[in-house]
Amino acid sequence: MKLQKYSIGTGDRFGCQGKAQLEAIIKAQEKGINIAIVWNKSYREHLITKTKPIDVLKEARDAVRELNWKGNYYIDADHVDLSNVDLFIDSSNYFTIDIAKYIGKMASDVEIKNFIEKYKIYVGKIFIPKIEEVLITNIKQLKTVGEKYLLAIKEAGQIYRKVEGKKGKDNFIVEISMDEANEPQSAIEILFILAAIADENIPVQAIAPKFIGRFNKGVDYKGDIEQFAEQFETLLAVIQFAKQEFSLPDNLKLSIHSGSDKFSIYKTINATIKKFDAGIHLKTAGTTWLEELIGLAMSGNNGLNIAKEIYIKAYDRFDELCEPYSMVIDIDRLKLPNPKKAAEWTSEEYTRALTHEKSCPDYNLHFRQLLHLGYKIAAEMGSQYKKALKKYDEIIAQNVTENLFERHIKKLFL
């Protein structure tokens, strides 16, 4: 199974927008851009929304049938590890193996020594095609990479082989994720991480590093765009080099997690992948959930009341909601709307505050980030929330499709 050059992860917290998401992919195809759709949902999201991996597969199949989609589609077991991968094996054909929590844990002295011995031939200058920077390596750097990442990659190997044992070789796609690590990986680290992945015989088709800057949930990139551009270009070059050097899959590409709404770097990504003729995978997960909220607010009446209730309860449970996502949010509590004031908002006021339109003076990125995490509140509403989604399906679906196509696909690929 081979992932296409361009792909996009379309997470859907409540499993109601699969058709609307696929509509955006079809619109892209009509414009000559072929993008693989990957429905992704993590174990944590399943726990919160009380769903199972098979539910994601059912949603995808329903959308594919209703729209007569003839292209490939994928079901991503997002951020899995050995403790939960078994739950996803039957219903998924894409596995994002998360190794972040193993980074820094040591492999055995013998394993690290063997790693250094094998790759010491690269000590010195490494000339990577298409970039001016010359990578300079030494034994100390090799040792550091081995100590920091080798055990994590071996853990990924165990997970891969467990899935392969049940699904068979070449019957699924593997991505390896490090985006939730404490610090970005350097070009040298990525190079030898890929070498270690090759040693584990993992046919990795996407790798998600931690990039420079902040990739906060649901809002724009925060950081030095020029530094990001330099890192992004260097990593693309390193991946192309590593594919040849370590016999990795020829379609191996970068994956950008928490990639939704990173509008200020889409132009850079677009130009660089064209320069390198490289693929890209972008995960947009929570942006669909926010479009549901916007649609509810736009509908007025009961829909607006539900949207308000979710914010008011999220505000009251700020610490609880934020704790699991501390690495990917920057919320100033003092800049959040007063709940009593928000309770009096009109549809337009709520919508302007939440819609990611930076030119609008009422847009509030702190409000948007907190609501990105607030799907737990909606999940606790149970049938009340699901019934509202069905009642206002037309306006919500239109929002979801337009957001994914106009704000993401067009900006990133066209």
Protein backbone atom coordinates (compact mmCIF):
# COMPACT_ATOMS: atom_id res chain seq x y z
CA MET A 1 0.00 0.00 0.00
CA LYS A 2 1.46 3.30 -1.10
CA LEU A 3 0.37 6.73 0.09
CA GLN A 4 -0.07 9.38 -2.59
CA LYS A 5 2.24 12.35 -2.93
CA TYR A 6 -0.18 14.76 -1.24
CA SER A 7 -2.41 13.74 1.62
CA ILE A 8 -4.46 15.43 4.28
CA GLY A 9 -5.64 14.18 7.65
CA THR A 10 -9.27 15.10 8.31
CA GLY A 11 -10.06 14.24 11.88
CA ASP A 12 -13.72 14.41 12.86
CA ARG A 13 -14.37 14.37 16.59
CA PHE A 14 -18.03 13.28 16.36
CA GLY A 15 -18.04 11.34 13.11
CA CYS A 16 -20.67 13.44 11.35
CA GLN A 17 -18.66 15.41 8.77
CA GLY A 18 -16.99 12.70 6.70
CA LYS A 19 -19.09 13.49 3.64
CA ALA A 20 -18.47 17.24 3.93
CA GLN A 21 -14.72 16.61 4.25
CA LEU A 22 -14.67 14.34 1.22
CA GLU A 23 -16.53 17.04 -0.74
CA ALA A 24 -13.50 19.28 -0.26
CA ILE A 25 -11.18 16.57 -1.62
CA ILE A 26 -13.45 16.18 -4.65
CA LYS A 27 -13.39 19.94 -5.25
CA ALA A 28 -9.59 19.78 -5.17
CA GLN A 29 -9.61 16.94 -7.68
CA GLU A 30 -11.78 19.04 -9.98
CA LYS A 31 -9.04 21.69 -9.82
CA GLY A 32 -6.42 19.13 -10.84
CA ILE A 33 -5.00 18.49 -7.36
CA ASN A 34 -5.07 14.85 -6.29
CA ILE A 35 -5.03 14.57 -2.52
CA ALA A 36 -5.47 11.40 -0.51
CA ILE A 37 -7.95 11.72 2.35
CA VAL A 38 -6.91 10.23 5.69
CA TRP A 39 -9.55 10.08 8.41
CA ASN A 40 -7.62 10.15 11.68
CA LYS A 41 -8.63 9.80 15.32
CA SER A 42 -6.48 9.16 18.36
CA TYR A 43 -7.03 6.86 21.31
CA ARG A 44 -7.49 9.89 23.58
CA GLU A 45 -10.18 11.30 21.28
CA HIS A 46 -11.99 7.96 21.22
CA LEU A 47 -11.99 7.86 25.01
CA ILE A 48 -13.42 11.37 25.27
CA THR A 49 -16.12 10.94 22.63
CA LYS A 50 -16.88 7.32 23.62
CA THR A 51 -16.32 6.00 20.12
CA LYS A 52 -14.31 3.11 18.71
CA PRO A 53 -11.91 2.87 15.75
CA ILE A 54 -14.52 0.94 13.75
CA ASP A 55 -16.73 4.05 13.89
CA VAL A 56 -14.17 6.01 11.86
CA LEU A 57 -14.11 3.29 9.22
CA LYS A 58 -17.92 3.28 9.04
CA GLU A 59 -18.01 7.07 8.65
CA ALA A 60 -15.46 6.92 5.84
CA ARG A 61 -17.27 4.11 4.03
CA ASP A 62 -20.58 5.96 4.25
CA ALA A 63 -19.03 9.12 2.78
CA VAL A 64 -17.28 7.20 0.02
CA ARG A 65 -20.49 5.39 -0.93
CA GLU A 66 -22.71 8.48 -0.86
CA LEU A 67 -20.33 10.52 -3.01
CA ASN A 68 -19.31 7.61 -5.25
CA TRP A 69 -15.65 8.27 -4.48
CA LYS A 70 -13.35 6.07 -6.57
CA GLY A 71 -10.04 7.20 -5.10
CA ASN A 72 -8.09 5.73 -2.22
CA TYR A 73 -8.86 6.63 1.36
CA TYR A 74 -7.22 5.78 4.65
CA ILE A 75 -8.14 5.28 8.31
CA ASP A 76 -5.37 6.51 10.58
CA ALA A 77 -4.76 5.03 14.01
CA ASP A 78 -3.41 8.33 15.24
CA HIS A 79 -0.65 8.54 17.87
CA VAL A 80 -0.71 4.86 18.80
CA ASP A 81 1.76 2.98 20.96
CA LEU A 82 2.08 -0.60 22.22
CA SER A 83 -0.56 -0.06 24.90
CA ASN A 84 -3.40 0.67 22.49
CA VAL A 85 -2.46 -0.33 18.94
CA ASP A 86 -4.41 -3.61 19.14
CA LEU A 87 -7.67 -1.67 19.27
CA PHE A 88 -6.98 -0.16 15.84
CA ILE A 89 -5.53 -3.03 13.84
CA ASP A 90 -8.74 -4.42 12.33
CA SER A 91 -10.24 -1.09 11.23
CA SER A 92 -7.16 0.96 10.25
CA ASN A 93 -4.82 0.90 7.27
CA TYR A 94 -2.64 3.82 8.39
CA PHE A 95 -0.72 3.82 11.67
CA THR A 96 0.86 6.94 13.15
CA ILE A 97 3.34 5.51 15.63
CA ASP A 98 4.07 8.05 18.36
CA ILE A 99 7.54 7.69 19.86
CA ALA A 100 7.73 11.03 21.69
CA LYS A 101 7.39 9.59 25.20
CA TYR A 102 10.30 7.22 24.58
CA ILE A 103 12.71 9.91 23.43
CA GLY A 104 15.55 10.24 25.93
CA LYS A 105 15.15 6.72 27.30
CA MET A 106 18.32 4.72 26.78
CA ALA A 107 18.84 1.64 24.70
CA SER A 108 21.49 -0.81 25.92
CA ASP A 109 25.15 0.14 25.82
CA VAL A 110 25.78 -2.60 23.27
CA GLU A 111 23.01 -1.35 20.96
CA ILE A 112 24.28 2.22 21.14
CA LYS A 113 27.85 1.09 20.53
CA ASN A 114 26.79 -0.93 17.47
CA PHE A 115 24.83 2.06 16.15
CA ILE A 116 27.89 4.31 16.44
CA GLU A 117 30.12 1.71 14.85
CA LYS A 118 27.81 1.30 11.85
CA TYR A 119 27.37 5.02 11.13
CA LYS A 120 30.78 6.41 12.03
CA ILE A 121 31.55 6.34 8.31
CA TYR A 122 29.45 9.53 8.12
CA VAL A 123 31.65 11.40 10.60
CA GLY A 124 32.95 14.57 8.98
CA LYS A 125 31.22 16.58 6.27
CA ILE A 126 28.01 15.38 4.65
CA PHE A 127 27.04 17.16 1.45
CA ILE A 128 23.28 17.12 0.97
CA PRO A 129 22.06 17.93 -2.58
CA LYS A 130 19.89 21.04 -3.10
CA ILE A 131 20.96 22.88 0.04
CA GLU A 132 24.01 25.03 0.69
CA GLU A 133 24.44 23.90 4.29
CA VAL A 134 27.06 21.22 4.85
CA LEU A 135 26.20 18.89 7.73
CA ILE A 136 29.19 18.30 9.98
CA THR A 137 29.05 15.26 12.23
CA ASN A 138 31.26 13.77 14.90
CA ILE A 139 31.26 10.72 17.16
CA LYS A 140 29.78 12.69 20.04
CA GLN A 141 26.74 13.62 17.93
CA LEU A 142 26.25 10.02 16.84
CA LYS A 143 26.41 8.91 20.47
CA THR A 144 23.87 11.57 21.46
CA VAL A 145 21.44 10.49 18.74
CA GLY A 146 21.85 6.85 19.77
CA GLU A 147 21.25 7.62 23.43
CA LYS A 148 18.30 9.89 22.76
CA TYR A 149 16.42 8.14 19.95
CA LEU A 150 17.55 4.55 19.46
CA LEU A 151 15.28 2.97 22.06
CA ALA A 152 12.34 5.02 20.74
CA ILE A 153 12.91 3.74 17.20
CA LYS A 154 13.19 0.18 18.47
CA GLU A 155 9.83 0.67 20.19
CA ALA A 156 8.40 1.79 16.83
CA GLY A 157 9.83 -1.39 15.33
CA GLN A 158 7.96 -3.52 17.85
CA ILE A 159 4.70 -1.73 17.08
CA TYR A 160 5.23 -2.04 13.33
CA ARG A 161 5.94 -5.77 13.55
CA LYS A 162 2.89 -6.30 15.74
CA VAL A 163 0.67 -4.69 13.11
CA GLU A 164 2.47 -6.46 10.26
CA GLY A 165 1.93 -9.80 12.00
CA LYS A 166 -1.83 -9.29 11.83
CA LYS A 167 -2.35 -7.30 8.65
CA GLY A 168 0.49 -8.59 6.52
CA LYS A 169 3.35 -6.74 4.88
CA ASP A 170 2.49 -3.86 2.52
CA ASN A 171 -1.15 -3.82 3.63
CA PHE A 172 -0.91 -0.60 5.63
CA ILE A 173 0.93 2.71 5.82
CA VAL A 174 3.35 3.70 8.58
CA GLU A 175 4.03 7.19 9.85
CA ILE A 176 6.41 7.91 12.72
CA SER A 177 5.64 10.90 14.90
CA MET A 178 7.95 12.95 17.13
CA ASP A 179 6.03 16.21 17.05
CA GLU A 180 5.15 16.07 20.74
CA ALA A 181 8.79 15.94 21.80
CA ASN A 182 10.12 18.67 24.07
CA GLU A 183 12.37 20.22 21.45
CA PRO A 184 12.77 20.27 17.65
CA GLN A 185 15.00 17.70 15.97
CA SER A 186 18.05 18.92 14.08
CA ALA A 187 18.85 17.91 10.51
CA ILE A 188 21.59 15.59 11.76
CA GLU A 189 19.20 13.98 14.24
CA ILE A 190 16.60 13.39 11.51
CA LEU A 191 19.23 11.88 9.24
CA PHE A 192 20.31 9.28 11.77
CA ILE A 193 16.79 8.73 13.08
CA LEU A 194 15.94 7.68 9.52
CA ALA A 195 18.99 5.42 9.50
CA ALA A 196 17.76 3.76 12.69
CA ILE A 197 14.26 3.39 11.20
CA ALA A 198 15.81 1.66 8.18
CA ASP A 199 17.71 -0.67 10.53
CA GLU A 200 14.38 -1.67 12.08
CA ASN A 201 13.06 -2.46 8.58
CA ILE A 202 10.11 -0.10 9.05
CA PRO A 203 8.77 0.95 5.63
CA VAL A 204 8.00 4.45 6.85
CA GLN A 205 6.10 6.65 4.38
CA ALA A 206 5.74 9.79 6.53
CA ILE A 207 7.69 11.29 9.40
CA ALA A 208 6.39 14.03 11.70
CA PRO A 209 9.21 15.92 13.40
CA LYS A 210 8.84 18.72 15.87
CA PHE A 211 9.41 21.90 13.91
CA ILE A 212 10.80 25.22 15.07
CA GLY A 213 8.14 27.54 16.47
CA ARG A 214 4.75 26.82 17.97
CA PHE A 215 2.12 24.68 16.25
CA ASN A 216 -0.72 25.55 18.58
CA LYS A 217 -4.12 23.92 18.13
CA GLY A 218 -6.43 25.60 15.64
CA VAL A 219 -4.53 28.88 15.24
CA ASP A 220 -1.76 30.24 13.03
CA TYR A 221 1.93 29.43 13.27
CA LYS A 222 3.79 31.29 15.99
CA GLY A 223 7.48 31.80 15.34
CA ASP A 224 10.10 33.03 12.89
CA ILE A 225 8.82 32.12 9.43
CA GLU A 226 12.28 32.44 7.86
CA GLN A 227 13.72 30.01 10.41
CA PHE A 228 10.88 27.59 9.74
CA ALA A 229 11.43 27.89 5.98
CA GLU A 230 15.13 27.12 6.40
CA GLN A 231 14.43 24.10 8.63
CA PHE A 232 11.66 22.81 6.37
CA GLU A 233 13.84 23.01 3.26
CA THR A 234 16.77 21.34 5.02
CA LEU A 235 14.63 18.48 6.28
CA LEU A 236 13.17 17.89 2.83
CA ALA A 237 16.70 17.66 1.45
CA VAL A 238 17.80 15.34 4.25
CA ILE A 239 14.83 13.04 3.61
CA GLN A 240 15.62 12.84 -0.11
CA PHE A 241 19.23 12.03 0.74
CA ALA A 242 18.26 9.44 3.37
CA LYS A 243 15.84 7.65 1.03
CA GLN A 244 18.71 6.86 -1.31
CA GLU A 245 21.34 6.32 1.37
CA PHE A 246 19.34 3.96 3.59
CA SER A 247 16.97 2.39 1.03
CA LEU A 248 13.82 3.89 2.53
CA PRO A 249 10.51 4.06 0.60
CA ASP A 250 10.74 6.45 -2.35
CA ASN A 251 7.52 8.25 -1.32
CA LEU A 252 8.70 9.06 2.23
CA LYS A 253 7.54 12.58 3.10
CA LEU A 254 7.20 15.10 5.89
CA SER A 255 4.04 15.15 7.96
CA ILE A 256 2.89 18.32 9.72
CA HIS A 257 0.87 17.71 12.85
CA SER A 258 -1.44 20.37 14.28
CA GLY A 259 -1.14 21.69 10.75
CA SER A 260 -4.58 23.20 10.46
CA ASP A 261 -4.77 26.99 10.21
CA LYS A 262 -1.01 27.49 9.87
CA PHE A 263 -1.82 29.92 7.09
CA SER A 264 1.31 32.08 7.39
CA ILE A 265 3.58 29.15 6.46
CA TYR A 266 1.40 27.52 3.78
CA LYS A 267 3.00 29.66 1.07
CA THR A 268 6.47 28.58 2.20
CA ILE A 269 5.46 24.92 2.30
CA ASN A 270 3.87 25.17 -1.14
CA ALA A 271 6.95 26.74 -2.73
CA THR A 272 9.38 24.32 -1.07
CA ILE A 273 7.58 21.09 -1.91
CA LYS A 274 7.39 22.26 -5.52
CA LYS A 275 11.10 23.09 -5.51
CA PHE A 276 11.93 19.60 -4.27
CA ASP A 277 9.09 17.85 -6.10
CA ALA A 278 8.24 16.43 -2.69
CA GLY A 279 5.06 15.22 -1.08
CA ILE A 280 3.47 16.44 2.14
CA HIS A 281 0.96 15.20 4.70
CA LEU A 282 -1.02 17.76 6.68
CA LYS A 283 -3.15 16.94 9.73
CA THR A 284 -6.09 19.31 10.18
CA ALA A 285 -8.09 17.36 12.81
CA GLY A 286 -9.78 19.89 15.13
CA THR A 287 -10.62 22.50 12.51
CA THR A 288 -13.72 20.47 11.58
CA TRP A 289 -15.00 20.49 15.17
CA LEU A 290 -14.62 24.27 15.28
CA GLU A 291 -16.60 24.60 12.06
CA GLU A 292 -19.37 22.62 13.74
CA LEU A 293 -19.44 25.19 16.54
CA ILE A 294 -19.45 28.06 14.05
CA GLY A 295 -22.33 26.42 12.17
CA LEU A 296 -24.30 25.99 15.38
CA ALA A 297 -23.72 29.62 16.31
CA MET A 298 -24.73 30.79 12.83
CA SER A 299 -27.97 28.84 13.03
CA GLY A 300 -29.11 30.86 16.06
CA ASN A 301 -31.76 29.63 18.49
CA ASN A 302 -30.90 26.31 20.12
CA GLY A 303 -27.68 25.92 18.13
CA LEU A 304 -26.32 29.21 19.42
CA ASN A 305 -27.30 28.31 22.98
CA ILE A 306 -25.39 25.03 22.73
CA ALA A 307 -22.31 26.82 21.38
CA LYS A 308 -22.49 29.31 24.25
CA GLU A 309 -22.93 26.58 26.85
CA ILE A 310 -19.86 24.76 25.57
CA TYR A 311 -17.73 27.89 25.94
CA ILE A 312 -19.04 28.78 29.40
CA LYS A 313 -18.36 25.26 30.70
CA ALA A 314 -14.96 25.15 28.98
CA TYR A 315 -14.02 28.42 30.68
CA ASP A 316 -14.97 26.95 34.07
CA ARG A 317 -12.91 23.81 33.40
CA PHE A 318 -9.92 25.61 31.91
CA ASP A 319 -7.16 23.72 33.76
CA GLU A 320 -8.70 20.30 33.17
CA LEU A 321 -9.08 20.85 29.43
CA CYS A 322 -5.69 22.46 28.88
CA GLU A 323 -3.47 20.06 30.82
CA PRO A 324 -3.27 17.26 28.19
CA TYR A 325 -2.50 19.79 25.43
CA SER A 326 0.03 22.02 27.20
CA MET A 327 2.64 21.49 24.46
CA VAL A 328 0.34 22.78 21.72
CA ILE A 329 -1.59 25.69 23.19
CA ASP A 330 -0.77 29.23 24.32
CA ILE A 331 -3.89 30.62 25.97
CA ASP A 332 -3.88 33.84 27.97
CA ARG A 333 -6.77 33.36 30.38
CA LEU A 334 -7.04 37.11 30.87
CA LYS A 335 -7.79 37.54 27.16
CA LEU A 336 -10.67 35.09 27.11
CA PRO A 337 -14.14 36.62 26.77
CA ASN A 338 -16.04 37.02 30.02
CA PRO A 339 -18.54 34.12 30.13
CA LYS A 340 -21.37 36.37 31.27
CA LYS A 341 -20.75 38.66 28.34
CA ALA A 342 -20.44 35.73 25.93
CA ALA A 343 -23.79 34.43 27.16
CA GLU A 344 -25.39 37.57 25.70
CA TRP A 345 -23.65 37.37 22.31
CA THR A 346 -25.56 37.30 19.05
CA SER A 347 -24.80 34.68 16.41
CA GLU A 348 -22.60 37.20 14.60
CA GLU A 349 -20.60 38.08 17.71
CA TYR A 350 -19.89 34.46 18.57
CA THR A 351 -19.00 33.64 14.98
CA ARG A 352 -16.66 36.62 14.56
CA ALA A 353 -14.79 35.72 17.74
CA LEU A 354 -14.29 32.10 16.69
CA THR A 355 -13.74 32.26 12.92
CA HIS A 356 -10.04 32.30 12.05
CA GLU A 357 -10.01 35.59 10.19
CA LYS A 358 -7.13 37.67 11.52
CA SER A 359 -8.29 40.80 9.71
CA CYS A 360 -11.44 40.77 11.86
CA PRO A 361 -10.92 42.84 15.04
CA ASP A 362 -13.25 40.55 16.99
CA TYR A 363 -11.30 37.35 16.23
CA ASN A 364 -9.93 35.92 19.49
CA LEU A 365 -7.21 33.29 19.17
CA HIS A 366 -7.42 32.48 22.91
CA PHE A 367 -11.15 31.83 22.63
CA ARG A 368 -10.52 29.68 19.55
CA GLN A 369 -7.81 27.58 21.23
CA LEU A 370 -9.91 26.91 24.33
CA LEU A 371 -12.89 25.86 22.22
CA HIS A 372 -10.58 23.61 20.20
CA LEU A 373 -10.16 21.65 23.45
CA GLY A 374 -13.81 22.02 24.42
CA TYR A 375 -15.06 19.06 22.41
CA LYS A 376 -15.00 17.16 25.70
CA ILE A 377 -17.89 19.34 26.86
CA ALA A 378 -19.83 18.59 23.68
CA ALA A 379 -19.14 14.87 24.14
CA GLU A 380 -20.66 15.03 27.62
CA MET A 381 -23.84 16.51 26.12
CA GLY A 382 -24.34 13.20 24.33
CA SER A 383 -27.47 13.03 22.17
CA GLN A 384 -28.25 16.73 22.70
CA TYR A 385 -25.15 17.71 20.75
CA LYS A 386 -25.53 15.02 18.09
CA LYS A 387 -29.17 16.00 17.48
CA ALA A 388 -28.11 19.62 16.98
CA LEU A 389 -25.52 18.52 14.40
CA LYS A 390 -28.21 16.70 12.46
CA LYS A 391 -30.70 19.54 12.75
CA TYR A 392 -28.27 22.12 11.40
CA ASP A 393 -26.39 19.75 9.12
CA GLU A 394 -26.76 21.84 5.96
CA ILE A 395 -25.03 24.95 7.27
CA ILE A 396 -22.39 22.96 9.20
CA ALA A 397 -21.49 20.79 6.21
CA GLN A 398 -21.12 23.85 4.01
CA ASN A 399 -18.78 25.41 6.57
CA VAL A 400 -16.69 22.25 6.85
CA THR A 401 -16.27 21.85 3.10
CA GLU A 402 -15.49 25.52 2.45
CA ASN A 403 -13.06 25.74 5.36
CA LEU A 404 -11.11 22.68 4.29
CA PHE A 405 -11.03 23.61 0.61
CA GLU A 406 -10.79 27.41 0.63
CA ARG A 407 -8.61 27.99 3.67
CA HIS A 408 -6.44 24.89 3.63
CA ILE A 409 -6.26 23.00 0.35
CA LYS A 410 -6.25 26.06 -1.93
CA LYS A 411 -3.69 27.92 0.17
CA LEU A 412 -1.41 24.94 0.53
CA PHE A 413 -1.61 23.29 -2.89
CA LEU A 414 -2.87 25.79 -5.48
